[in-house]
Amino acid sequence: MTQSKIENLSALVDGEQTDSKLLDELASDADLAARWQSYHLIKDGLRNELPDSLNLNIADAVAEAIEKEPAIVAPKAERKTKNIPLWGNVVPLFRQGGQFAIAASVAVAVILGYQQFNQTTQDSDLNIAPVKAITGIQSGMSPVSLSQDRAVPKADVAEQRRKLNALFADHQQRMMLKTSDDKAAVEKETEATPEGEEQK
């Protein structure tokens, strides 16, 4: 079927052309008749004039296509890994190793979950303070607070202050040394430069 026949058929379906020769050919050519039917179906679909139920008989075409398909019979492929001695031993090892890894991760998850579930509140440094009733809060809401009940001994505070004072003293000494080194470097630089070069 040529392109000009297809275009003439499309124009005939659209009502743009009346070709009696094409109509005669339509009665004798099954491919052209099938295309004529498809074009009318497309036209009805574009105009929203399709019937409620379409009788598309594609069973014959599918059955014919299946009959034309060649039968594919292929032998079952042998595993080539069995022929290689090292690889044949490695693959089962990875399978077993994977199974052991999964079992180990499940065991670790169970152990950690059990430890977290049975953890006592005495181990934590921060305890939740009791909530005091506050008047004026509506709708059953209560304030939430977190306090630390553990008192810090005064000896620890004194030790921390002593360490901080030592750090400050060390910092001051280093700053003084740095400034004196900077001054010495500037003096050396000025002594090294001749007087004639400074005036330029």
Protein backbone atom coordinates (compact mmCIF):
# COMPACT_ATOMS: atom_id res chain seq x y z
CA MET A 1 0.00 0.00 0.00
CA THR A 2 1.48 3.32 -1.06
CA GLN A 3 1.58 6.52 0.91
CA SER A 4 -0.72 8.26 -1.59
CA LYS A 5 -3.39 5.55 -1.10
CA ILE A 6 -3.20 6.01 2.67
CA GLU A 7 -3.53 9.79 2.34
CA ASN A 8 -6.48 9.44 -0.08
CA LEU A 9 -8.18 7.01 2.31
CA SER A 10 -7.71 9.45 5.20
CA ALA A 11 -9.17 12.28 3.10
CA LEU A 12 -12.10 10.03 2.14
CA VAL A 13 -12.82 9.26 5.81
CA ASP A 14 -12.66 12.99 6.67
CA GLY A 15 -15.13 13.76 3.87
CA GLU A 16 -12.66 15.91 1.94
CA GLN A 17 -12.61 13.67 -1.13
CA THR A 18 -14.85 11.24 -2.99
CA ASP A 19 -12.93 8.76 -5.08
CA SER A 20 -15.03 5.96 -6.59
CA LYS A 21 -11.94 4.08 -7.70
CA LEU A 22 -10.71 3.98 -4.07
CA LEU A 23 -14.15 2.79 -2.93
CA ASP A 24 -14.03 -0.07 -5.43
CA GLU A 25 -10.53 -0.98 -4.27
CA LEU A 26 -11.73 -0.83 -0.65
CA ALA A 27 -14.17 -3.68 -1.35
CA SER A 28 -11.46 -5.95 -2.74
CA ASP A 29 -8.46 -5.14 -0.48
CA ALA A 30 -8.75 -6.52 3.11
CA ASP A 31 -5.79 -4.45 4.40
CA LEU A 32 -7.33 -1.27 3.05
CA ALA A 33 -10.70 -2.22 4.57
CA ALA A 34 -9.07 -2.79 7.98
CA ARG A 35 -7.39 0.61 7.75
CA TRP A 36 -10.76 2.17 6.76
CA GLN A 37 -12.34 0.66 9.88
CA SER A 38 -9.46 1.88 12.10
CA TYR A 39 -9.70 5.42 10.71
CA HIS A 40 -13.47 5.54 11.38
CA LEU A 41 -12.89 4.27 14.92
CA ILE A 42 -10.25 6.97 15.49
CA LYS A 43 -12.58 9.64 14.07
CA ASP A 44 -15.42 8.52 16.36
CA GLY A 45 -13.08 8.51 19.34
CA LEU A 46 -11.89 12.07 18.64
CA ARG A 47 -15.49 13.29 18.38
CA ASN A 48 -16.56 11.37 21.54
CA GLU A 49 -19.06 9.39 19.46
CA LEU A 50 -17.89 5.91 20.42
CA PRO A 51 -20.58 3.37 21.31
CA ASP A 52 -20.87 2.13 24.90
CA SER A 53 -19.32 -1.21 24.05
CA LEU A 54 -16.81 -1.91 21.30
CA ASN A 55 -16.51 -5.30 19.73
CA LEU A 56 -12.83 -5.51 18.97
CA ASN A 57 -12.13 -9.04 17.83
CA ILE A 58 -8.42 -9.39 18.35
CA ALA A 59 -8.49 -13.03 19.43
CA ASP A 60 -7.94 -14.28 15.88
CA ALA A 61 -4.97 -11.95 15.36
CA VAL A 62 -3.38 -12.99 18.67
CA ALA A 63 -3.92 -16.70 17.92
CA GLU A 64 -2.36 -16.25 14.49
CA ALA A 65 0.63 -14.40 15.94
CA ILE A 66 1.16 -17.16 18.51
CA GLU A 67 1.08 -19.81 15.80
CA LYS A 68 3.69 -17.93 13.81
CA GLU A 69 6.03 -17.74 16.81
CA PRO A 70 8.84 -20.29 16.60
CA ALA A 71 9.09 -22.76 19.43
CA ILE A 72 12.11 -21.98 21.56
CA VAL A 73 13.59 -25.02 23.19
CA ALA A 74 16.88 -24.34 24.86
CA PRO A 75 18.85 -26.77 26.97
CA LYS A 76 19.22 -25.93 30.62
CA ALA A 77 22.45 -24.06 31.14
CA GLU A 78 24.98 -25.79 33.32
CA ARG A 79 26.59 -23.87 36.11
CA LYS A 80 30.10 -23.06 35.08
CA THR A 81 31.15 -22.38 38.66
CA LYS A 82 31.26 -26.12 39.38
CA ASN A 83 34.02 -26.52 36.81
CA ILE A 84 36.25 -24.00 38.58
CA PRO A 85 37.53 -25.66 41.77
CA LEU A 86 38.19 -22.51 43.82
CA TRP A 87 35.03 -20.64 42.79
CA GLY A 88 32.84 -23.69 43.43
CA ASN A 89 34.05 -23.69 47.05
CA VAL A 90 33.81 -19.92 47.55
CA VAL A 91 30.16 -19.44 46.56
CA PRO A 92 28.73 -21.81 49.22
CA LEU A 93 31.02 -20.18 51.77
CA PHE A 94 29.53 -16.75 50.99
CA ARG A 95 26.04 -18.16 51.30
CA GLN A 96 26.81 -19.61 54.73
CA GLY A 97 28.66 -16.45 55.73
CA GLY A 98 25.65 -14.35 54.78
CA GLN A 99 23.39 -16.54 56.87
CA PHE A 100 25.74 -16.22 59.84
CA ALA A 101 25.91 -12.44 59.40
CA ILE A 102 22.13 -12.15 59.44
CA ALA A 103 21.88 -14.35 62.53
CA ALA A 104 24.59 -12.32 64.29
CA SER A 105 22.89 -9.00 63.53
CA VAL A 106 19.58 -10.30 64.85
CA ALA A 107 21.32 -11.51 68.02
CA VAL A 108 23.00 -8.11 68.51
CA ALA A 109 19.69 -6.31 68.03
CA VAL A 110 18.00 -8.57 70.61
CA ILE A 111 20.81 -8.07 73.14
CA LEU A 112 20.84 -4.29 72.73
CA GLY A 113 17.06 -4.14 72.95
CA TYR A 114 17.07 -6.23 76.10
CA GLN A 115 19.72 -4.03 77.70
CA GLN A 116 17.84 -0.84 76.83
CA PHE A 117 14.55 -2.26 78.08
CA ASN A 118 16.00 -3.37 81.42
CA GLN A 119 18.09 -0.27 82.07
CA THR A 120 17.40 1.20 85.50
CA THR A 121 16.81 4.88 86.11
CA GLN A 122 19.47 4.96 88.85
CA ASP A 123 22.25 4.87 86.24
CA SER A 124 21.28 8.19 84.69
CA ASP A 125 22.83 11.44 85.93
CA LEU A 126 19.72 13.50 85.29
CA ASN A 127 16.51 12.72 87.09
CA ILE A 128 13.15 14.16 86.27
CA ALA A 129 12.00 16.60 88.91
CA PRO A 130 8.53 16.15 90.36
CA VAL A 131 5.95 18.39 88.74
CA LYS A 132 4.38 20.92 91.05
CA ALA A 133 0.78 21.95 90.55
CA ILE A 134 0.60 25.41 89.03
CA THR A 135 -2.68 27.19 89.07
CA GLY A 136 -3.81 28.99 85.97
CA ILE A 137 -2.82 26.35 83.39
CA GLN A 138 -5.89 25.23 81.48
CA SER A 139 -6.89 22.12 79.56
CA GLY A 140 -5.05 19.60 81.72
CA MET A 141 -1.60 20.60 80.54
CA SER A 142 1.23 20.42 83.04
CA PRO A 143 4.71 21.94 82.87
CA VAL A 144 7.66 19.71 82.18
CA SER A 145 11.01 20.26 83.83
CA LEU A 146 14.32 18.52 84.04
CA SER A 147 16.55 19.09 87.01
CA GLN A 148 19.78 17.74 88.33
CA ASP A 149 19.50 16.50 91.89
CA ARG A 150 23.17 15.70 92.30
CA ALA A 151 24.99 18.40 94.26
CA VAL A 152 28.52 19.26 93.15
CA PRO A 153 30.98 19.08 96.06
CA LYS A 154 32.79 22.32 96.93
CA ALA A 155 36.17 20.62 96.59
CA ASP A 156 35.47 20.01 92.89
CA VAL A 157 34.52 23.65 92.38
CA ALA A 158 37.74 24.83 94.03
CA GLU A 159 39.80 22.44 91.90
CA GLN A 160 38.11 23.68 88.73
CA ARG A 161 38.79 27.32 89.66
CA ARG A 162 42.45 26.52 90.35
CA LYS A 163 42.78 24.86 86.93
CA LEU A 164 41.09 27.78 85.18
CA ASN A 165 43.37 30.29 86.92
CA ALA A 166 46.42 28.27 85.87
CA LEU A 167 45.18 28.25 82.25
CA PHE A 168 44.64 32.03 82.31
CA ALA A 169 48.12 32.62 83.76
CA ASP A 170 49.70 30.39 81.12
CA HIS A 171 47.79 32.23 78.39
CA GLN A 172 48.96 35.60 79.64
CA GLN A 173 52.58 34.44 79.75
CA ARG A 174 52.39 33.14 76.19
CA MET A 175 50.87 36.41 74.97
CA MET A 176 53.62 38.42 76.66
CA LEU A 177 56.31 36.18 75.10
CA LYS A 178 54.71 36.51 71.70
CA THR A 179 54.56 40.30 71.86
CA SER A 180 58.18 40.48 73.02
CA ASP A 181 59.23 38.16 70.15
CA ASP A 182 57.31 40.33 67.68
CA LYS A 183 59.05 43.47 68.98
CA ALA A 184 62.45 41.81 68.72
CA ALA A 185 61.74 40.76 65.14
CA VAL A 186 60.70 44.31 64.19
CA GLU A 187 63.88 45.73 65.79
CA LYS A 188 66.07 43.25 63.90
CA GLU A 189 64.35 44.19 60.68
CA THR A 190 64.92 47.89 61.19
CA GLU A 191 68.58 47.33 62.12
CA ALA A 192 69.17 45.18 59.05
CA THR A 193 67.85 47.82 56.64
CA PRO A 194 70.37 50.56 55.72
CA GLU A 195 69.34 54.16 56.25
CA GLY A 196 69.42 54.99 52.52
CA GLU A 197 66.80 52.38 51.68
CA GLU A 198 64.37 53.64 54.35
CA GLN A 199 64.28 57.13 52.80
CA LYS A 200 63.35 55.86 49.33
